[in-house]
C-alpha atoms as a PDB file:
ATOM      1  CA  UNK A   1      13.993 -60.174 -55.768  1.00  0.00           C
ATOM      2  CA  UNK A   2      13.721 -63.850 -56.647  1.00  0.00           C
ATOM      3  CA  UNK A   3      11.432 -62.922 -59.543  1.00  0.00           C
ATOM      4  CA  UNK A   4      13.937 -60.341 -60.761  1.00  0.00           C
ATOM      5  CA  UNK A   5      16.805 -62.829 -60.530  1.00  0.00           C
ATOM      6  CA  UNK A   6      14.745 -65.245 -62.637  1.00  0.00           C
ATOM      7  CA  UNK A   7      14.177 -62.548 -65.238  1.00  0.00           C
ATOM      8  CA  UNK A   8      10.483 -62.181 -64.386  1.00  0.00           C
ATOM      9  CA  UNK A   9      10.377 -58.391 -64.286  1.00  0.00           C
ATOM     10  CA  UNK A  10       6.587 -58.249 -64.615  1.00  0.00           C
ATOM     11  CA  UNK A  11       6.131 -60.149 -61.350  1.00  0.00           C
ATOM     12  CA  UNK A  12       8.838 -58.060 -59.690  1.00  0.00           C
ATOM     13  CA  UNK A  13       7.166 -54.795 -60.763  1.00  0.00           C
ATOM     14  CA  UNK A  14       3.756 -55.998 -59.593  1.00  0.00           C
ATOM     15  CA  UNK A  15       5.042 -57.042 -56.173  1.00  0.00           C
ATOM     16  CA  UNK A  16       7.084 -53.873 -55.763  1.00  0.00           C
ATOM     17  CA  UNK A  17       3.974 -51.754 -56.267  1.00  0.00           C
ATOM     18  CA  UNK A  18       2.454 -53.527 -53.272  1.00  0.00           C
ATOM     19  CA  UNK A  19       5.234 -52.246 -51.000  1.00  0.00           C
ATOM     20  CA  UNK A  20       4.759 -49.145 -48.795  1.00  0.00           C
ATOM     21  CA  UNK A  21       5.328 -45.954 -50.771  1.00  0.00           C
ATOM     22  CA  UNK A  22       6.803 -42.933 -48.972  1.00  0.00           C
ATOM     23  CA  UNK A  23       7.573 -39.367 -49.999  1.00  0.00           C
ATOM     24  CA  UNK A  24      10.343 -38.045 -47.768  1.00  0.00           C
ATOM     25  CA  UNK A  25      10.994 -34.673 -49.367  1.00  0.00           C
ATOM     26  CA  UNK A  26       7.682 -32.823 -49.215  1.00  0.00           C
ATOM     27  CA  UNK A  27       4.080 -32.499 -48.142  1.00  0.00           C
ATOM     28  CA  UNK A  28       1.375 -31.163 -50.477  1.00  0.00           C
ATOM     29  CA  UNK A  29      -1.219 -28.427 -50.447  1.00  0.00           C
ATOM     30  CA  UNK A  30      -4.863 -29.302 -51.030  1.00  0.00           C
ATOM     31  CA  UNK A  31      -5.964 -28.942 -54.626  1.00  0.00           C
ATOM     32  CA  UNK A  32      -8.710 -30.155 -56.946  1.00  0.00           C
ATOM     33  CA  UNK A  33      -7.706 -33.120 -59.060  1.00  0.00           C
ATOM     34  CA  UNK A  34      -9.817 -34.320 -61.980  1.00  0.00           C
ATOM     35  CA  UNK A  35     -10.361 -38.074 -62.352  1.00  0.00           C
ATOM     36  CA  UNK A  36     -11.756 -39.571 -65.561  1.00  0.00           C
ATOM     37  CA  UNK A  37     -13.781 -42.810 -65.561  1.00  0.00           C
ATOM     38  CA  UNK A  38     -12.151 -45.026 -68.224  1.00  0.00           C
ATOM     39  CA  UNK A  39     -15.481 -46.616 -69.168  1.00  0.00           C
ATOM     40  CA  UNK A  40     -17.934 -43.700 -69.065  1.00  0.00           C
ATOM     41  CA  UNK A  41     -15.364 -40.907 -69.580  1.00  0.00           C
ATOM     42  CA  UNK A  42     -17.137 -38.966 -66.854  1.00  0.00           C
ATOM     43  CA  UNK A  43     -14.988 -36.464 -64.967  1.00  0.00           C
ATOM     44  CA  UNK A  44     -15.004 -36.263 -61.188  1.00  0.00           C
ATOM     45  CA  UNK A  45     -13.182 -33.597 -59.193  1.00  0.00           C
ATOM     46  CA  UNK A  46     -11.809 -34.472 -55.775  1.00  0.00           C
ATOM     47  CA  UNK A  47     -10.029 -32.183 -53.335  1.00  0.00           C
ATOM     48  CA  UNK A  48      -7.011 -33.612 -51.554  1.00  0.00           C
ATOM     49  CA  UNK A  49      -3.272 -33.355 -50.907  1.00  0.00           C
ATOM     50  CA  UNK A  50      -2.474 -35.071 -54.188  1.00  0.00           C
ATOM     51  CA  UNK A  51       1.154 -35.682 -55.083  1.00  0.00           C
ATOM     52  CA  UNK A  52       2.208 -32.932 -57.465  1.00  0.00           C
ATOM     53  CA  UNK A  53       5.357 -30.855 -57.771  1.00  0.00           C
ATOM     54  CA  UNK A  54       3.167 -27.858 -58.542  1.00  0.00           C
ATOM     55  CA  UNK A  55       1.692 -28.088 -55.043  1.00  0.00           C
ATOM     56  CA  UNK A  56       4.669 -29.357 -53.036  1.00  0.00           C
ATOM     57  CA  UNK A  57       5.986 -27.911 -49.773  1.00  0.00           C
ATOM     58  CA  UNK A  58       9.608 -28.980 -49.556  1.00  0.00           C
ATOM     59  CA  UNK A  59      10.760 -29.896 -46.051  1.00  0.00           C
ATOM     60  CA  UNK A  60      14.534 -29.843 -46.584  1.00  0.00           C
ATOM     61  CA  UNK A  61      15.030 -33.597 -46.796  1.00  0.00           C
ATOM     62  CA  UNK A  62      16.687 -34.975 -49.901  1.00  0.00           C
ATOM     63  CA  UNK A  63      16.822 -38.503 -51.346  1.00  0.00           C
ATOM     64  CA  UNK A  64      19.581 -39.976 -53.492  1.00  0.00           C
ATOM     65  CA  UNK A  65      18.787 -43.069 -55.533  1.00  0.00           C
ATOM     66  CA  UNK A  66      21.701 -45.281 -56.590  1.00  0.00           C
ATOM     67  CA  UNK A  67      20.741 -48.071 -58.996  1.00  0.00           C
ATOM     68  CA  UNK A  68      22.506 -51.080 -60.457  1.00  0.00           C
ATOM     69  CA  UNK A  69      25.371 -51.108 -57.988  1.00  0.00           C
ATOM     70  CA  UNK A  70      27.927 -53.778 -58.793  1.00  0.00           C
ATOM     71  CA  UNK A  71      29.104 -56.070 -56.007  1.00  0.00           C
ATOM     72  CA  UNK A  72      28.114 -55.997 -52.353  1.00  0.00           C
ATOM     73  CA  UNK A  73      25.758 -53.031 -51.921  1.00  0.00           C
ATOM     74  CA  UNK A  74      26.453 -52.680 -48.199  1.00  0.00           C
ATOM     75  CA  UNK A  75      30.199 -52.745 -48.742  1.00  0.00           C
ATOM     76  CA  UNK A  76      29.914 -50.088 -51.451  1.00  0.00           C
ATOM     77  CA  UNK A  77      27.966 -47.933 -49.008  1.00  0.00           C
ATOM     78  CA  UNK A  78      30.436 -48.447 -46.159  1.00  0.00           C
ATOM     79  CA  UNK A  79      33.336 -47.387 -48.394  1.00  0.00           C
ATOM     80  CA  UNK A  80      31.446 -44.324 -49.669  1.00  0.00           C
ATOM     81  CA  UNK A  81      30.274 -43.298 -46.193  1.00  0.00           C
ATOM     82  CA  UNK A  82      33.829 -43.522 -44.822  1.00  0.00           C
ATOM     83  CA  UNK A  83      34.889 -40.732 -47.205  1.00  0.00           C
ATOM     84  CA  UNK A  84      32.480 -38.214 -45.683  1.00  0.00           C
ATOM     85  CA  UNK A  85      33.389 -35.652 -43.047  1.00  0.00           C
ATOM     86  CA  UNK A  86      31.802 -35.978 -39.624  1.00  0.00           C
ATOM     87  CA  UNK A  87      29.620 -32.968 -40.446  1.00  0.00           C
ATOM     88  CA  UNK A  88      28.275 -34.650 -43.589  1.00  0.00           C
ATOM     89  CA  UNK A  89      27.742 -37.946 -41.785  1.00  0.00           C
ATOM     90  CA  UNK A  90      25.472 -36.142 -39.324  1.00  0.00           C
ATOM     91  CA  UNK A  91      23.225 -35.090 -42.203  1.00  0.00           C
ATOM     92  CA  UNK A  92      22.318 -38.662 -43.144  1.00  0.00           C
ATOM     93  CA  UNK A  93      19.083 -39.922 -41.592  1.00  0.00           C
ATOM     94  CA  UNK A  94      18.107 -43.083 -43.472  1.00  0.00           C
ATOM     95  CA  UNK A  95      19.913 -45.567 -45.724  1.00  0.00           C
ATOM     96  CA  UNK A  96      18.426 -48.780 -47.084  1.00  0.00           C
ATOM     97  CA  UNK A  97      18.833 -51.349 -49.842  1.00  0.00           C
ATOM     98  CA  UNK A  98      16.189 -50.939 -52.546  1.00  0.00           C
ATOM     99  CA  UNK A  99      13.681 -53.663 -53.558  1.00  0.00           C
ATOM    100  CA  UNK A 100      15.915 -54.960 -56.358  1.00  0.00           C
ATOM    101  CA  UNK A 101      18.715 -55.703 -53.890  1.00  0.00           C
ATOM    102  CA  UNK A 102      21.163 -53.861 -56.151  1.00  0.00           C
ATOM    103  CA  UNK A 103      20.508 -50.249 -55.225  1.00  0.00           C
ATOM    104  CA  UNK A 104      20.570 -47.790 -52.345  1.00  0.00           C
ATOM    105  CA  UNK A 105      18.308 -45.020 -51.145  1.00  0.00           C
ATOM    106  CA  UNK A 106      19.960 -42.342 -49.002  1.00  0.00           C
ATOM    107  CA  UNK A 107      17.797 -39.777 -47.176  1.00  0.00           C
ATOM    108  CA  UNK A 108      19.687 -36.773 -45.811  1.00  0.00           C
ATOM    109  CA  UNK A 109      19.286 -33.149 -44.741  1.00  0.00           C
ATOM    110  CA  UNK A 110      19.834 -30.826 -47.685  1.00  0.00           C
ATOM    111  CA  UNK A 111      21.755 -27.581 -47.405  1.00  0.00           C
ATOM    112  CA  UNK A 112      19.995 -24.646 -49.122  1.00  0.00           C
ATOM    113  CA  UNK A 113      23.369 -22.911 -49.436  1.00  0.00           C
ATOM    114  CA  UNK A 114      24.512 -25.725 -51.743  1.00  0.00           C
ATOM    115  CA  UNK A 115      21.421 -25.587 -53.921  1.00  0.00           C
ATOM    116  CA  UNK A 116      18.178 -27.427 -54.591  1.00  0.00           C
ATOM    117  CA  UNK A 117      17.522 -31.176 -54.310  1.00  0.00           C
ATOM    118  CA  UNK A 118      19.509 -32.397 -57.311  1.00  0.00           C
ATOM    119  CA  UNK A 119      22.358 -29.980 -56.473  1.00  0.00           C
ATOM    120  CA  UNK A 120      22.640 -31.519 -53.010  1.00  0.00           C
ATOM    121  CA  UNK A 121      22.493 -35.033 -54.456  1.00  0.00           C
ATOM    122  CA  UNK A 122      25.341 -34.301 -56.858  1.00  0.00           C
ATOM    123  CA  UNK A 123      27.581 -32.662 -54.251  1.00  0.00           C
ATOM    124  CA  UNK A 124      27.111 -35.382 -51.609  1.00  0.00           C
ATOM    125  CA  UNK A 125      27.701 -38.082 -54.247  1.00  0.00           C
ATOM    126  CA  UNK A 126      30.949 -36.422 -55.294  1.00  0.00           C
ATOM    127  CA  UNK A 127      32.062 -36.365 -51.660  1.00  0.00           C
ATOM    128  CA  UNK A 128      31.420 -40.105 -51.451  1.00  0.00           C
ATOM    129  CA  UNK A 129      33.552 -40.955 -54.445  1.00  0.00           C
ATOM    130  CA  UNK A 130      31.497 -40.013 -57.477  1.00  0.00           C
ATOM    131  CA  UNK A 131      28.678 -42.468 -56.992  1.00  0.00           C
ATOM    132  CA  UNK A 132      26.223 -41.814 -59.810  1.00  0.00           C
ATOM    133  CA  UNK A 133      22.755 -40.759 -58.587  1.00  0.00           C
ATOM    134  CA  UNK A 134      19.575 -41.281 -60.566  1.00  0.00           C
ATOM    135  CA  UNK A 135      19.044 -37.743 -61.848  1.00  0.00           C
ATOM    136  CA  UNK A 136      15.286 -38.175 -62.226  1.00  0.00           C
ATOM    137  CA  UNK A 137      15.105 -37.710 -58.448  1.00  0.00           C
ATOM    138  CA  UNK A 138      15.134 -33.935 -58.884  1.00  0.00           C
ATOM    139  CA  UNK A 139      11.339 -33.899 -58.989  1.00  0.00           C
ATOM    140  CA  UNK A 140       9.455 -32.473 -56.010  1.00  0.00           C
ATOM    141  CA  UNK A 141       6.878 -35.269 -56.103  1.00  0.00           C
ATOM    142  CA  UNK A 142       9.314 -38.163 -56.189  1.00  0.00           C
ATOM    143  CA  UNK A 143       8.682 -41.017 -53.757  1.00  0.00           C
ATOM    144  CA  UNK A 144      10.288 -44.328 -52.842  1.00  0.00           C
ATOM    145  CA  UNK A 145       9.239 -47.891 -52.141  1.00  0.00           C
ATOM    146  CA  UNK A 146      10.256 -49.294 -48.765  1.00  0.00           C
ATOM    147  CA  UNK A 147      11.294 -52.894 -48.207  1.00  0.00           C
ATOM    148  CA  UNK A 148      11.822 -54.814 -44.955  1.00  0.00           C
ATOM    149  CA  UNK A 149      13.695 -53.983 -41.760  1.00  0.00           C
ATOM    150  CA  UNK A 150      16.440 -56.347 -42.905  1.00  0.00           C
ATOM    151  CA  UNK A 151      17.267 -53.934 -45.720  1.00  0.00           C
ATOM    152  CA  UNK A 152      17.754 -50.943 -43.417  1.00  0.00           C
ATOM    153  CA  UNK A 153      21.418 -50.020 -43.071  1.00  0.00           C
ATOM    154  CA  UNK A 154      20.886 -46.951 -40.896  1.00  0.00           C
ATOM    155  CA  UNK A 155      17.949 -44.919 -39.588  1.00  0.00           C
ATOM    156  CA  UNK A 156      17.504 -41.946 -37.261  1.00  0.00           C
ATOM    157  CA  UNK A 157      13.764 -42.349 -36.664  1.00  0.00           C
ATOM    158  CA  UNK A 158      13.170 -39.202 -34.642  1.00  0.00           C
ATOM    159  CA  UNK A 159      14.875 -36.798 -37.027  1.00  0.00           C
ATOM    160  CA  UNK A 160      13.528 -38.566 -40.103  1.00  0.00           C
ATOM    161  CA  UNK A 161       9.925 -38.198 -38.970  1.00  0.00           C
ATOM    162  CA  UNK A 162      10.114 -34.727 -37.439  1.00  0.00           C
ATOM    163  CA  UNK A 163      12.648 -32.920 -39.622  1.00  0.00           C
ATOM    164  CA  UNK A 164      11.620 -29.588 -41.128  1.00  0.00           C
ATOM    165  CA  UNK A 165      13.869 -26.928 -42.625  1.00  0.00           C
ATOM    166  CA  UNK A 166      11.585 -24.007 -43.438  1.00  0.00           C
ATOM    167  CA  UNK A 167      14.463 -22.068 -45.015  1.00  0.00           C
ATOM    168  CA  UNK A 168      14.829 -24.711 -47.715  1.00  0.00           C
ATOM    169  CA  UNK A 169      11.148 -24.550 -48.612  1.00  0.00           C
ATOM    170  CA  UNK A 170      11.087 -20.757 -48.630  1.00  0.00           C
ATOM    171  CA  UNK A 171      14.039 -20.681 -50.983  1.00  0.00           C
ATOM    172  CA  UNK A 172      12.917 -23.336 -53.482  1.00  0.00           C
ATOM    173  CA  UNK A 173       9.136 -23.935 -53.270  1.00  0.00           C
ATOM    174  CA  UNK A 174       8.232 -21.326 -55.883  1.00  0.00           C
ATOM    175  CA  UNK A 175      10.747 -22.553 -58.445  1.00  0.00           C
ATOM    176  CA  UNK A 176       9.543 -26.150 -58.003  1.00  0.00           C
ATOM    177  CA  UNK A 177       5.930 -25.039 -58.410  1.00  0.00           C
ATOM    178  CA  UNK A 178       6.989 -23.499 -61.720  1.00  0.00           C
ATOM    179  CA  UNK A 179       8.532 -26.818 -62.802  1.00  0.00           C
ATOM    180  CA  UNK A 180      12.117 -25.643 -62.302  1.00  0.00           C
ATOM    181  CA  UNK A 181      13.738 -28.478 -60.364  1.00  0.00           C
ATOM    182  CA  UNK A 182      16.729 -28.873 -62.656  1.00  0.00           C
ATOM    183  CA  UNK A 183      20.290 -28.552 -61.431  1.00  0.00           C
ATOM    184  CA  UNK A 184      21.294 -24.957 -60.635  1.00  0.00           C
ATOM    185  CA  UNK A 185      24.978 -25.407 -59.851  1.00  0.00           C
ATOM    186  CA  UNK A 186      27.901 -25.562 -62.282  1.00  0.00           C
ATOM    187  CA  UNK A 187      28.409 -29.337 -62.379  1.00  0.00           C
ATOM    188  CA  UNK A 188      31.783 -29.108 -64.111  1.00  0.00           C
ATOM    189  CA  UNK A 189      33.054 -26.748 -61.413  1.00  0.00           C
ATOM    190  CA  UNK A 190      31.728 -29.048 -58.690  1.00  0.00           C
ATOM    191  CA  UNK A 191      33.454 -32.028 -60.279  1.00  0.00           C
ATOM    192  CA  UNK A 192      36.690 -30.099 -60.611  1.00  0.00           C
ATOM    193  CA  UNK A 193      36.469 -28.952 -56.987  1.00  0.00           C
ATOM    194  CA  UNK A 194      36.465 -32.590 -55.890  1.00  0.00           C
ATOM    195  CA  UNK A 195      39.164 -33.694 -58.319  1.00  0.00           C
ATOM    196  CA  UNK A 196      37.009 -35.364 -60.992  1.00  0.00           C
ATOM    197  CA  UNK A 197      37.102 -34.854 -64.770  1.00  0.00           C
ATOM    198  CA  UNK A 198      34.539 -32.513 -66.315  1.00  0.00           C
ATOM    199  CA  UNK A 199      31.625 -33.805 -68.400  1.00  0.00           C
ATOM    200  CA  UNK A 200      33.570 -33.389 -71.658  1.00  0.00           C
ATOM    201  CA  UNK A 201      36.683 -35.043 -70.242  1.00  0.00           C
ATOM    202  CA  UNK A 202      34.633 -37.941 -68.921  1.00  0.00           C
ATOM    203  CA  UNK A 203      32.806 -38.506 -72.206  1.00  0.00           C
ATOM    204  CA  UNK A 204      35.488 -40.860 -73.520  1.00  0.00           C
ATOM    205  CA  UNK A 205      35.846 -42.826 -70.288  1.00  0.00           C
ATOM    206  CA  UNK A 206      34.000 -45.900 -69.085  1.00  0.00           C
ATOM    207  CA  UNK A 207      31.240 -44.593 -66.831  1.00  0.00           C
ATOM    208  CA  UNK A 208      28.961 -46.646 -64.619  1.00  0.00           C
ATOM    209  CA  UNK A 209      25.487 -46.529 -66.214  1.00  0.00           C
ATOM    210  CA  UNK A 210      22.892 -44.403 -64.490  1.00  0.00           C
ATOM    211  CA  UNK A 211      19.359 -45.722 -64.478  1.00  0.00           C
ATOM    212  CA  UNK A 212      16.051 -45.101 -62.807  1.00  0.00           C
ATOM    213  CA  UNK A 213      15.373 -48.817 -62.498  1.00  0.00           C
ATOM    214  CA  UNK A 214      14.022 -48.914 -58.965  1.00  0.00           C
ATOM    215  CA  UNK A 215      11.898 -45.844 -59.480  1.00  0.00           C
ATOM    216  CA  UNK A 216      10.741 -46.516 -63.022  1.00  0.00           C
ATOM    217  CA  UNK A 217       7.058 -46.807 -62.127  1.00  0.00           C
ATOM    218  CA  UNK A 218       7.091 -43.620 -60.060  1.00  0.00           C
ATOM    219  CA  UNK A 219       6.544 -40.260 -61.710  1.00  0.00           C
ATOM    220  CA  UNK A 220       9.836 -39.216 -63.266  1.00  0.00           C
ATOM    221  CA  UNK A 221      11.122 -35.678 -63.200  1.00  0.00           C
ATOM    222  CA  UNK A 222      11.954 -33.589 -66.218  1.00  0.00           C
ATOM    223  CA  UNK A 223      15.162 -34.875 -67.855  1.00  0.00           C
ATOM    224  CA  UNK A 224      18.430 -33.072 -67.221  1.00  0.00           C
ATOM    225  CA  UNK A 225      19.861 -33.597 -70.679  1.00  0.00           C
ATOM    226  CA  UNK A 226      19.655 -29.870 -71.415  1.00  0.00           C
ATOM    227  CA  UNK A 227      22.100 -28.799 -68.719  1.00  0.00           C
ATOM    228  CA  UNK A 228      24.466 -26.380 -70.362  1.00  0.00           C
ATOM    229  CA  UNK A 229      27.908 -24.815 -70.071  1.00  0.00           C
ATOM    230  CA  UNK A 230      28.193 -21.174 -71.190  1.00  0.00           C
ATOM    231  CA  UNK A 231      24.914 -21.522 -73.055  1.00  0.00           C
ATOM    232  CA  UNK A 232      25.764 -24.724 -74.916  1.00  0.00           C
ATOM    233  CA  UNK A 233      23.988 -27.991 -73.940  1.00  0.00           C
ATOM    234  CA  UNK A 234      26.264 -30.712 -72.581  1.00  0.00           C
ATOM    235  CA  UNK A 235      24.872 -33.104 -75.186  1.00  0.00           C
ATOM    236  CA  UNK A 236      26.166 -30.820 -77.971  1.00  0.00           C
ATOM    237  CA  UNK A 237      29.586 -30.451 -76.300  1.00  0.00           C
ATOM    238  CA  UNK A 238      29.897 -34.214 -75.920  1.00  0.00           C
ATOM    239  CA  UNK A 239      28.840 -34.849 -79.541  1.00  0.00           C
ATOM    240  CA  UNK A 240      31.431 -32.380 -80.846  1.00  0.00           C
ATOM    241  CA  UNK A 241      34.168 -33.804 -78.608  1.00  0.00           C
ATOM    242  CA  UNK A 242      33.303 -37.300 -79.787  1.00  0.00           C
ATOM    243  CA  UNK A 243      33.500 -36.340 -83.482  1.00  0.00           C
ATOM    244  CA  UNK A 244      36.816 -34.517 -83.058  1.00  0.00           C
ATOM    245  CA  UNK A 245      38.374 -37.450 -81.226  1.00  0.00           C
ATOM    246  CA  UNK A 246      37.439 -40.193 -83.640  1.00  0.00           C
ATOM    247  CA  UNK A 247      34.297 -41.421 -81.872  1.00  0.00           C
END
């Protein structure tokens, strides 16, 4: 963090890659991965449980990544957590401050009735006051860097280690294997249900930037820019709104 505060991002990135790396959301089937020697260009095939969405077995855990939080990260979390129902609070298993010191990782039990991973992230974030999650965390091979015990805000060790919701995997494994981890819910309806403006309404407002800063060197998921409403991409709706309103 000292390196990051000094503007030395290269040192920060190098040191962060030395931290323990954990994948909470899935295990992986064995498959043959091809490695290419950079010098000889020879190909070697090795069988293993390599990290790949195509071979993931989702366990029902979900991770939300909040980056670039302004102010006291722990205070922001306390205020967001206080807005949850007791039922939703029971779903949360692990919360910690990310390596940058300005973000949060929240590991919780997803509800297959709500939707897939990104659906659950969006809904829980709305319940906590519209915190903006890093939407690249929809990927089934997404992992996270751990820091020190001092950065842990809350942990339920037993549930975190042993949790398995087979129903979640049965419902979503095949779609993730096919590369379909994008949002499946109507985001505008979800926002409206919790009293927030829709995507078009929010386009002209000041929105907290969303970034994948803490996970930038981890495999990113497919972008969600092509989410649509009644067949029209949000990006097109926003562009048209902007032009009509003097943007």
